[in-house]
Protein backbone atom coordinates (compact mmCIF):
# COMPACT_ATOMS: atom_id res chain seq x y z
CA MET A 1 -97.60 -7.60 -17.21
CA LYS A 2 -96.09 -9.08 -14.07
CA ASP A 3 -99.73 -9.91 -12.68
CA ALA A 4 -100.61 -11.77 -15.97
CA VAL A 5 -97.35 -13.94 -15.83
CA SER A 6 -97.87 -14.66 -12.12
CA ALA A 7 -101.30 -15.82 -12.81
CA LYS A 8 -100.20 -17.98 -15.67
CA ASN A 9 -97.68 -19.57 -13.43
CA THR A 10 -100.06 -20.01 -10.63
CA ALA A 11 -102.54 -21.66 -13.00
CA ALA A 12 -99.67 -24.00 -14.30
CA VAL A 13 -98.86 -25.17 -10.64
CA ILE A 14 -102.66 -25.58 -9.78
CA CYS A 15 -103.17 -27.62 -13.11
CA PHE A 16 -100.09 -29.69 -12.30
CA VAL A 17 -101.19 -30.49 -8.68
CA ILE A 18 -104.75 -31.29 -9.77
CA GLY A 19 -103.49 -33.67 -12.59
CA ALA A 20 -101.03 -35.35 -10.04
CA LEU A 21 -103.97 -35.87 -7.56
CA LEU A 22 -106.03 -37.43 -10.29
CA LEU A 23 -103.17 -39.99 -11.21
CA ILE A 24 -102.46 -40.78 -7.50
CA THR A 25 -105.97 -41.56 -6.76
CA ILE A 26 -106.18 -44.14 -9.57
CA PRO A 27 -104.76 -47.14 -7.44
CA PHE A 28 -107.36 -46.19 -4.76
CA ASN A 29 -110.20 -46.17 -6.96
CA ILE A 30 -109.23 -49.47 -8.45
CA ALA A 31 -109.15 -51.04 -5.05
CA GLY A 32 -112.57 -49.38 -4.43
CA GLU A 33 -113.98 -51.20 -7.65
CA MET A 34 -114.67 -47.92 -9.49
CA ASP A 35 -115.94 -47.99 -12.96
CA THR A 36 -113.02 -48.71 -15.53
CA LYS A 37 -114.19 -46.01 -18.02
CA LEU A 38 -114.20 -43.24 -15.32
CA LEU A 39 -110.82 -44.45 -14.07
CA ILE A 40 -109.36 -44.27 -17.71
CA ALA A 41 -111.00 -40.92 -18.11
CA GLY A 42 -109.51 -39.69 -14.85
CA GLY A 43 -106.11 -41.03 -15.87
CA VAL A 44 -106.17 -39.32 -19.29
CA LEU A 45 -107.45 -36.08 -17.77
CA GLY A 46 -104.69 -36.21 -15.11
CA ALA A 47 -102.04 -36.76 -17.50
CA LEU A 48 -103.30 -34.03 -19.89
CA MET A 49 -103.38 -31.51 -16.89
CA ILE A 50 -99.80 -32.37 -15.91
CA TYR A 51 -98.70 -31.94 -19.42
CA MET A 52 -100.48 -28.63 -19.65
CA GLY A 53 -99.04 -27.45 -16.26
CA ILE A 54 -95.45 -28.27 -17.26
CA ARG A 55 -95.76 -26.83 -20.87
CA THR A 56 -97.38 -23.40 -19.30
CA LYS A 57 -94.53 -23.32 -16.75
CA MET A 58 -92.06 -23.76 -19.48
CA THR A 59 -93.63 -21.08 -21.71
CA VAL A 60 -93.73 -18.56 -18.53
CA SER A 61 -89.91 -19.46 -18.11
CA LYS A 62 -89.23 -18.71 -21.81
CA PHE A 63 -91.37 -15.57 -21.72
CA LYS A 64 -89.22 -14.18 -18.88
CA GLU A 65 -86.04 -15.07 -20.59
CA TYR A 66 -87.14 -13.58 -23.98
CA SER A 67 -88.71 -10.31 -22.36
CA GLY A 68 -85.25 -9.87 -20.43
CA TYR A 69 -83.33 -9.97 -23.57
CA LEU A 70 -86.06 -7.70 -25.63
CA SER A 71 -85.83 -5.03 -22.88
CA GLU A 72 -82.04 -4.87 -23.61
CA ASP A 73 -82.49 -4.74 -27.30
CA PRO A 74 -84.66 -2.11 -28.71
CA THR A 75 -84.74 -3.44 -32.22
CA GLY A 76 -86.61 -6.61 -31.21
CA SER A 77 -84.60 -8.52 -33.45
CA ILE A 78 -85.65 -12.18 -33.52
CA ASP A 79 -82.03 -13.21 -35.08
CA LYS A 80 -80.26 -11.49 -32.12
CA LEU A 81 -82.87 -13.02 -29.57
CA ALA A 82 -82.19 -16.46 -30.83
CA SER A 83 -78.40 -16.16 -30.78
CA LYS A 84 -78.55 -14.98 -27.11
CA CYS A 85 -80.85 -17.70 -26.14
CA GLY A 86 -78.78 -20.40 -28.24
CA GLU A 87 -81.99 -21.51 -30.11
CA PRO A 88 -82.75 -21.67 -33.73
CA VAL A 89 -84.46 -18.67 -35.25
CA GLU A 90 -87.45 -20.47 -36.23
CA LYS A 91 -88.10 -21.96 -32.73
CA VAL A 92 -87.85 -18.68 -31.20
CA LYS A 93 -90.19 -17.21 -33.91
CA SER A 94 -92.60 -19.96 -33.20
CA ASN A 95 -92.32 -19.57 -29.54
CA LEU A 96 -92.96 -15.71 -29.85
CA GLU A 97 -95.92 -16.32 -32.09
CA ARG A 98 -97.59 -18.68 -29.54
CA MET A 99 -96.80 -16.07 -26.75
CA ILE A 100 -98.56 -13.43 -28.84
CA LEU A 101 -101.50 -15.54 -29.49
CA ARG A 102 -101.66 -16.44 -25.66
CA ARG A 103 -101.25 -12.82 -24.69
CA TYR A 104 -98.07 -13.04 -22.99
CA PHE A 105 -96.99 -10.04 -25.19
CA ILE A 106 -99.92 -7.54 -25.36
CA ASN A 107 -100.33 -5.37 -28.52
CA ALA A 108 -97.33 -7.16 -30.25
CA HIS A 109 -96.77 -8.61 -33.60
CA ILE A 110 -94.00 -10.11 -35.65
CA ASP A 111 -92.75 -7.92 -38.42
CA GLU A 112 -91.73 -10.26 -41.29
CA GLU A 113 -89.82 -7.74 -43.33
CA THR A 114 -87.30 -6.97 -40.48
CA ASN A 115 -87.78 -10.43 -38.70
CA SER A 116 -88.30 -8.70 -35.48
CA ILE A 117 -91.13 -8.56 -32.67
CA VAL A 118 -92.61 -5.12 -32.39
CA LEU A 119 -93.95 -4.32 -28.96
CA GLU A 120 -96.56 -1.60 -29.48
CA GLY A 121 -96.07 -0.08 -26.02
CA LYS A 122 -92.23 0.27 -26.54
CA GLU A 123 -92.40 2.06 -30.00
CA GLU A 124 -91.24 5.74 -29.84
CA GLN A 125 -94.05 8.10 -30.45
CA PRO A 126 -93.59 10.66 -33.22
CA SER A 127 -93.12 14.15 -32.14
CA ASP A 128 -95.29 17.20 -33.14
CA GLU A 129 -92.21 19.32 -33.93
């Protein structure tokens, strides 16, 4: 799981750098009389890449925070996680759903009945006794 988080973190940094480079080159392209449509497209793409990089970096940071708390709490309670993070329950739940969708948590789902996140790899296996 650390490799996946490192890869996402690296991708966020690369995305941010490319976006910044696209935006930085706009004044030089204007001086070189580049096509206006291409400049606008480059500016929009640069801003979008910076946004995506920052958002991914924030998600990785939240994932690390959440997984740290969840490793201490075997119940996976979203209510407890929200109180530890100082965030509203619905925001934490939304963040967890997004992280599950983007495969930060592999083989995980949210149990609506118990309002908790179930991490398949952490469940106790029934014994054959």
